């Protein structure tokens, strides 16, 4: 009988151990995976990052799903403490990465120069990028978004704007007209331009700007930028700068004087201004009517019920005998009960 000896199988020479960073979630638990995104335009190669994984720790890991690929790198994509990426989306060329965060922010990252050896190199010409993305304008005091990515060079953060007050659950990019759709836990769906400017909200009563299916959306130059009412009250200076197309008083010539003149021409605040709502006007009458409301109760008017106590009673000993019938007393009892 032949004896077979199991030979030791050695891995190929191009295999190398991958040392992943040790990261733990809350209370020392392993981090949770919230979103996976494949970069479809990138080739399936060993050193090319083609898979993005967002973790609950706030990091976005870059993997290669090649047969001998694995973990490549990671970058921090948080905006504040306890923030993480909930949703991700990329354009067809995988040039830009859109991330939706748990605190309601929408960020745009430049991915063309990140984890793509041998790919097309994008020259970072800052004047052209600032013209396209107002987020890159100079600030007197850097905002929280710029301070969070100060220690990392790649990928470059191009835009950061607060789009919702609740977590951004889904993102969808339309490359034909460069419009980004975002949905949130606050039950709203909004449209944004590539530069981060607000376009419209689905289901509102305000008139929509003119959109074309095969043309890039351009903001009208004769109209001021539109800002949702909920974001006006709870947005940072960086978000307001992006929503206002980068027009800030200390950087735009003549804007401070125009703002001063506008403040001098303010009219008194009316009752209509106190309740503008998200939809542009207050609904004084419910659309569905009052069919869902309960009938109003008569507060302060308690019905008075008087019971007659002089009627014949049937006791246990008189169960076999018929009680005495008196039409007058029966009618008196009925009237007293309905009184």
Protein backbone atom coordinates (compact mmCIF):
# COMPACT_ATOMS: atom_id res chain seq x y z
CA UNK A 1 0.00 0.00 0.00
CA UNK A 2 1.37 3.32 -1.05
CA UNK A 3 1.71 6.08 1.48
CA UNK A 4 1.02 9.57 0.28
CA UNK A 5 2.89 12.38 1.96
CA UNK A 6 1.20 15.79 1.90
CA UNK A 7 3.60 18.28 0.38
CA UNK A 8 3.87 21.81 1.71
CA UNK A 9 2.22 24.32 -0.60
CA UNK A 10 4.11 27.59 -0.78
CA UNK A 11 2.41 30.77 -1.91
CA UNK A 12 3.63 32.52 -5.04
CA UNK A 13 6.37 35.06 -4.72
CA UNK A 14 4.13 38.03 -5.47
CA UNK A 15 1.97 37.36 -2.41
CA UNK A 16 2.67 39.76 0.41
CA UNK A 17 1.07 39.98 3.83
CA UNK A 18 -1.36 42.86 4.24
CA UNK A 19 -1.28 44.67 7.57
CA UNK A 20 -4.62 46.31 8.20
CA UNK A 21 -4.98 49.10 10.75
CA UNK A 22 -6.53 48.06 14.02
CA UNK A 23 -9.73 50.02 14.54
CA UNK A 24 -12.55 49.34 16.97
CA UNK A 25 -16.00 50.76 17.27
CA UNK A 26 -17.93 51.87 20.30
CA UNK A 27 -17.18 50.01 23.55
CA UNK A 28 -14.36 48.09 21.88
CA UNK A 29 -16.65 46.26 19.44
CA UNK A 30 -15.57 45.63 15.83
CA UNK A 31 -16.61 48.42 13.42
CA UNK A 32 -19.77 48.01 11.38
CA UNK A 33 -19.89 48.23 7.59
CA UNK A 34 -22.50 50.73 6.38
CA UNK A 35 -21.93 50.95 2.62
CA UNK A 36 -20.04 49.24 -0.21
CA UNK A 37 -19.29 50.93 -3.53
CA UNK A 38 -17.53 49.45 -6.57
CA UNK A 39 -15.64 51.87 -8.82
CA UNK A 40 -16.74 50.32 -12.11
CA UNK A 41 -14.59 52.38 -14.44
CA UNK A 42 -11.35 51.26 -12.80
CA UNK A 43 -9.62 48.10 -14.00
CA UNK A 44 -9.49 45.01 -11.82
CA UNK A 45 -5.81 45.13 -10.98
CA UNK A 46 -3.78 44.18 -7.98
CA UNK A 47 -2.83 47.67 -6.79
CA UNK A 48 -5.85 49.62 -8.06
CA UNK A 49 -8.49 50.51 -5.50
CA UNK A 50 -11.82 49.41 -6.92
CA UNK A 51 -13.92 48.84 -3.78
CA UNK A 52 -14.81 51.40 -1.12
CA UNK A 53 -16.04 50.34 2.32
CA UNK A 54 -17.46 52.84 4.83
CA UNK A 55 -17.14 51.92 8.50
CA UNK A 56 -18.87 53.12 11.63
CA UNK A 57 -15.54 54.53 12.87
CA UNK A 58 -15.69 57.27 10.22
CA UNK A 59 -13.06 55.78 7.90
CA UNK A 60 -13.55 54.79 4.28
CA UNK A 61 -11.32 51.85 3.33
CA UNK A 62 -10.06 51.23 -0.20
CA UNK A 63 -9.75 47.62 -1.37
CA UNK A 64 -8.77 45.86 -4.57
CA UNK A 65 -11.12 43.01 -5.44
CA UNK A 66 -8.48 41.34 -7.61
CA UNK A 67 -7.75 37.65 -6.96
CA UNK A 68 -4.52 38.57 -5.16
CA UNK A 69 -5.64 42.04 -4.10
CA UNK A 70 -6.75 43.18 -0.70
CA UNK A 71 -6.67 46.18 1.57
CA UNK A 72 -4.84 49.20 0.13
CA UNK A 73 -5.51 52.34 2.14
CA UNK A 74 -8.09 54.36 4.03
CA UNK A 75 -9.03 57.99 4.67
CA UNK A 76 -11.01 59.78 7.35
CA UNK A 77 -14.32 61.18 6.11
CA UNK A 78 -15.96 62.46 9.28
CA UNK A 79 -17.29 65.94 9.83
CA UNK A 80 -17.68 65.92 13.60
CA UNK A 81 -17.55 63.51 16.54
CA UNK A 82 -19.56 60.27 16.12
CA UNK A 83 -20.03 60.96 12.42
CA UNK A 84 -19.67 58.33 9.67
CA UNK A 85 -20.52 57.81 6.02
CA UNK A 86 -24.01 56.38 5.49
CA UNK A 87 -24.26 56.48 1.67
CA UNK A 88 -21.80 56.76 -1.23
CA UNK A 89 -22.06 57.48 -4.95
CA UNK A 90 -19.57 58.08 -7.79
CA UNK A 91 -19.80 59.52 -11.28
CA UNK A 92 -19.38 57.15 -14.28
CA UNK A 93 -15.69 58.10 -14.69
CA UNK A 94 -15.08 57.64 -10.93
CA UNK A 95 -13.55 61.09 -10.82
CA UNK A 96 -15.70 62.31 -7.94
CA UNK A 97 -16.92 60.50 -4.85
CA UNK A 98 -20.10 61.73 -3.14
CA UNK A 99 -20.60 60.80 0.50
CA UNK A 100 -23.71 61.28 2.66
CA UNK A 101 -23.08 61.53 6.37
CA UNK A 102 -24.97 60.75 9.55
CA UNK A 103 -25.06 64.42 10.57
CA UNK A 104 -26.71 65.46 7.27
CA UNK A 105 -23.65 66.66 5.32
CA UNK A 106 -22.89 65.92 1.67
CA UNK A 107 -19.21 65.90 0.69
CA UNK A 108 -17.43 65.60 -2.66
CA UNK A 109 -13.96 64.03 -2.92
CA UNK A 110 -11.50 64.00 -5.84
CA UNK A 111 -10.70 60.31 -6.42
CA UNK A 112 -8.82 60.43 -9.73
CA UNK A 113 -5.39 60.59 -8.04
CA UNK A 114 -6.12 58.28 -5.11
CA UNK A 115 -5.16 54.57 -5.16
CA UNK A 116 -4.99 54.48 -8.96
CA UNK A 117 -1.39 53.71 -10.06
CA UNK A 118 -0.97 53.91 -13.80
CA UNK A 119 -4.23 55.80 -14.24
CA UNK A 120 -4.79 59.26 -15.68
CA UNK A 121 -3.19 61.93 -13.49
CA UNK A 122 -5.35 64.97 -12.82
CA UNK A 123 -3.44 68.21 -12.45
CA UNK A 124 -4.70 70.19 -9.47
CA UNK A 125 -5.16 73.66 -10.92
CA UNK A 126 -6.61 75.47 -7.92
CA UNK A 127 -8.02 78.57 -9.70
CA UNK A 128 -10.15 76.34 -11.91
CA UNK A 129 -11.23 74.19 -8.96
CA UNK A 130 -12.17 77.27 -6.92
CA UNK A 131 -14.26 78.55 -9.80
CA UNK A 132 -16.18 75.29 -9.90
CA UNK A 133 -16.35 74.58 -6.15
CA UNK A 134 -16.97 77.63 -3.90
CA UNK A 135 -16.01 75.51 -0.88
CA UNK A 136 -12.35 75.99 -1.82
CA UNK A 137 -12.53 79.76 -1.42
CA UNK A 138 -10.25 81.23 1.21
CA UNK A 139 -11.68 81.63 4.71
CA UNK A 140 -10.61 83.93 7.49
CA UNK A 141 -11.12 81.07 9.95
CA UNK A 142 -11.11 77.57 8.41
CA UNK A 143 -14.33 75.72 9.02
CA UNK A 144 -14.80 72.34 10.64
CA UNK A 145 -14.77 70.52 7.29
CA UNK A 146 -11.36 71.88 6.30
CA UNK A 147 -9.89 71.32 9.74
CA UNK A 148 -11.00 67.67 9.73
CA UNK A 149 -8.97 66.86 6.57
CA UNK A 150 -5.99 69.09 7.27
CA UNK A 151 -3.71 66.13 8.03
CA UNK A 152 -4.51 64.12 4.87
CA UNK A 153 -3.58 65.13 1.33
CA UNK A 154 -5.49 62.54 -0.68
CA UNK A 155 -8.27 62.31 -1.57
CA UNK A 156 -8.85 66.03 -1.84
CA UNK A 157 -12.06 67.42 -0.34
CA UNK A 158 -13.78 69.57 -2.97
CA UNK A 159 -17.07 70.45 -1.31
CA UNK A 160 -18.88 70.11 2.00
CA UNK A 161 -22.42 71.36 2.53
CA UNK A 162 -25.17 70.48 4.97
CA UNK A 163 -28.01 69.20 2.85
CA UNK A 164 -30.36 67.79 5.50
CA UNK A 165 -30.93 67.91 9.23
CA UNK A 166 -31.10 64.11 9.44
CA UNK A 167 -28.78 61.36 8.08
CA UNK A 168 -28.42 61.24 4.31
CA UNK A 169 -29.64 57.75 3.43
CA UNK A 170 -29.20 57.67 -0.36
CA UNK A 171 -27.35 59.52 -3.15
CA UNK A 172 -27.84 59.34 -6.91
CA UNK A 173 -25.83 61.29 -9.48
CA UNK A 174 -27.14 62.22 -12.93
CA UNK A 175 -24.12 62.77 -15.22
CA UNK A 176 -26.09 64.26 -18.13
CA UNK A 177 -26.96 67.50 -16.33
CA UNK A 178 -24.61 67.06 -13.31
CA UNK A 179 -27.34 66.98 -10.68
CA UNK A 180 -27.09 65.08 -7.41
CA UNK A 181 -30.21 63.66 -5.74
CA UNK A 182 -30.15 63.13 -1.99
CA UNK A 183 -32.70 61.54 0.34
CA UNK A 184 -32.71 61.77 4.10
CA UNK A 185 -34.38 60.37 7.19
CA UNK A 186 -36.39 63.60 7.41
CA UNK A 187 -38.49 62.28 4.46
CA UNK A 188 -37.22 64.82 1.95
CA UNK A 189 -35.54 64.45 -1.44
CA UNK A 190 -33.46 67.37 -2.71
CA UNK A 191 -31.55 68.27 -5.86
CA UNK A 192 -28.05 69.74 -5.81
CA UNK A 193 -25.64 70.95 -8.43
CA UNK A 194 -22.10 69.62 -8.69
CA UNK A 195 -20.77 72.78 -7.04
CA UNK A 196 -23.06 72.22 -4.02
CA UNK A 197 -25.77 74.77 -4.80
CA UNK A 198 -29.33 73.93 -3.80
CA UNK A 199 -31.78 73.49 -6.70
CA UNK A 200 -35.15 72.26 -5.40
CA UNK A 201 -36.98 69.88 -3.08
CA UNK A 202 -39.47 67.29 -4.28
CA UNK A 203 -43.06 67.98 -3.25
CA UNK A 204 -42.73 71.70 -2.57
CA UNK A 205 -45.12 74.42 -3.70
CA UNK A 206 -42.36 76.76 -4.85
CA UNK A 207 -41.76 76.98 -8.61
CA UNK A 208 -38.90 74.85 -9.91
CA UNK A 209 -36.06 76.21 -12.00
CA UNK A 210 -35.96 75.14 -15.61
CA UNK A 211 -34.17 71.81 -16.09
CA UNK A 212 -33.17 70.08 -19.31
CA UNK A 213 -32.52 66.37 -19.67
CA UNK A 214 -29.39 66.69 -21.84
CA UNK A 215 -27.90 69.97 -20.61
CA UNK A 216 -25.94 70.88 -17.54
CA UNK A 217 -27.92 72.91 -15.06
CA UNK A 218 -26.66 76.45 -14.63
CA UNK A 219 -27.90 78.80 -11.92
CA UNK A 220 -29.78 81.84 -13.23
CA UNK A 221 -27.62 84.93 -12.93
CA UNK A 222 -30.58 87.29 -12.46
CA UNK A 223 -31.96 85.43 -9.43
CA UNK A 224 -30.44 85.06 -5.95
CA UNK A 225 -29.52 81.58 -4.76
CA UNK A 226 -32.21 79.59 -3.03
CA UNK A 227 -31.68 78.23 0.48
CA UNK A 228 -34.13 75.91 2.29
CA UNK A 229 -35.78 77.42 5.34
CA UNK A 230 -34.57 74.70 7.71
CA UNK A 231 -30.96 75.13 6.59
CA UNK A 232 -31.06 78.90 7.04
CA UNK A 233 -31.51 78.49 10.77
CA UNK A 234 -29.06 75.65 11.46
CA UNK A 235 -26.22 75.95 8.93
CA UNK A 236 -22.60 76.88 9.44
CA UNK A 237 -20.76 79.69 7.71
CA UNK A 238 -19.14 77.22 5.31
CA UNK A 239 -22.51 75.80 4.25
CA UNK A 240 -23.98 79.26 3.74
CA UNK A 241 -20.93 80.23 1.69
CA UNK A 242 -21.45 77.26 -0.65
CA UNK A 243 -25.21 77.83 -0.90
CA UNK A 244 -24.63 81.52 -1.70
CA UNK A 245 -22.26 80.61 -4.58
CA UNK A 246 -19.22 81.72 -2.62
CA UNK A 247 -20.42 85.32 -2.16
CA UNK A 248 -19.07 86.44 1.20
CA UNK A 249 -18.89 90.05 2.37
CA UNK A 250 -15.16 90.25 3.07
CA UNK A 251 -14.17 88.59 -0.25
CA UNK A 252 -16.72 89.97 -2.76
CA UNK A 253 -16.23 93.64 -3.75
CA UNK A 254 -19.30 95.75 -3.09
CA UNK A 255 -21.24 93.01 -1.32
CA UNK A 256 -20.81 94.56 2.13
CA UNK A 257 -22.27 97.87 0.94
CA UNK A 258 -25.19 96.13 -0.73
CA UNK A 259 -25.84 94.11 2.42
CA UNK A 260 -25.81 97.28 4.51
CA UNK A 261 -28.33 98.96 2.19
CA UNK A 262 -30.53 95.89 2.28
CA UNK A 263 -30.55 95.87 6.07
CA UNK A 264 -31.60 99.52 6.13
CA UNK A 265 -34.57 98.77 3.88
CA UNK A 266 -35.95 95.96 6.01
CA UNK A 267 -39.70 95.92 6.49
CA UNK A 268 -41.48 95.00 9.74
CA UNK A 269 -41.86 91.29 10.45
CA UNK A 270 -45.42 90.08 9.88
CA UNK A 271 -47.23 86.96 11.01
CA UNK A 272 -46.68 85.39 7.60
CA UNK A 273 -42.90 85.66 8.02
CA UNK A 274 -42.89 83.80 11.31
CA UNK A 275 -44.16 80.55 9.77
CA UNK A 276 -42.61 80.29 6.30
CA UNK A 277 -42.14 76.52 6.57
CA UNK A 278 -40.08 74.38 4.26
CA UNK A 279 -42.59 74.58 1.41
CA UNK A 280 -42.65 78.35 1.02
CA UNK A 281 -46.05 79.02 2.59
CA UNK A 282 -48.04 77.98 5.60
CA UNK A 283 -50.98 75.64 5.15
CA UNK A 284 -53.79 77.17 7.18
CA UNK A 285 -56.26 74.48 6.07
CA UNK A 286 -55.31 70.81 5.96
CA UNK A 287 -55.22 69.29 2.51
CA UNK A 288 -56.95 66.08 3.64
CA UNK A 289 -59.71 67.93 5.49
CA UNK A 290 -60.77 67.24 9.06
CA UNK A 291 -61.70 63.59 8.53
CA UNK A 292 -58.85 62.44 10.75
CA UNK A 293 -59.90 64.51 13.77
CA UNK A 294 -62.07 63.19 16.59
CA UNK A 295 -65.34 64.98 17.35
CA UNK A 296 -64.94 67.78 19.83
CA UNK A 297 -65.95 67.11 23.42
CA UNK A 298 -68.43 69.28 25.31
CA UNK A 299 -66.06 70.72 27.88
CA UNK A 300 -67.82 72.20 30.93
CA UNK A 301 -71.26 70.78 30.02
CA UNK A 302 -71.84 67.51 31.83
CA UNK A 303 -75.15 65.82 30.90
CA UNK A 304 -77.51 65.55 33.89
CA UNK A 305 -79.12 62.16 34.30
CA UNK A 306 -81.96 61.64 36.82
CA UNK A 307 -83.10 58.14 37.64
CA UNK A 308 -86.52 57.34 39.10
CA UNK A 309 -86.34 55.51 42.45
CA UNK A 310 -90.08 54.90 43.04
CA UNK A 311 -90.45 51.99 40.61
CA UNK A 312 -91.41 48.48 41.71
CA UNK A 313 -88.50 46.18 42.49
CA UNK A 314 -88.40 42.44 41.97
CA UNK A 315 -86.86 40.68 44.97
CA UNK A 316 -85.66 37.12 45.29
CA UNK A 317 -88.84 36.02 47.08
CA UNK A 318 -91.10 37.49 44.36
CA UNK A 319 -89.36 35.87 41.42
CA UNK A 320 -92.44 33.79 40.55
CA UNK A 321 -94.86 36.70 40.73
CA UNK A 322 -95.27 39.21 37.99
CA UNK A 323 -94.35 42.77 38.92
CA UNK A 324 -97.05 45.42 39.01
CA UNK A 325 -97.27 47.29 35.71
CA UNK A 326 -98.00 51.03 35.84
CA UNK A 327 -98.03 52.89 32.55
CA UNK A 328 -97.75 56.24 34.28
CA UNK A 329 -94.70 55.26 36.25
CA UNK A 330 -93.06 53.65 33.23
CA UNK A 331 -93.52 56.81 31.18
CA UNK A 332 -92.19 58.92 34.06
CA UNK A 333 -89.06 56.76 34.29
CA UNK A 334 -88.49 56.97 30.53
CA UNK A 335 -88.80 60.76 30.57
CA UNK A 336 -86.47 61.02 33.56
CA UNK A 337 -83.84 58.88 31.82
CA UNK A 338 -83.92 60.96 28.62
CA UNK A 339 -83.87 64.25 30.52
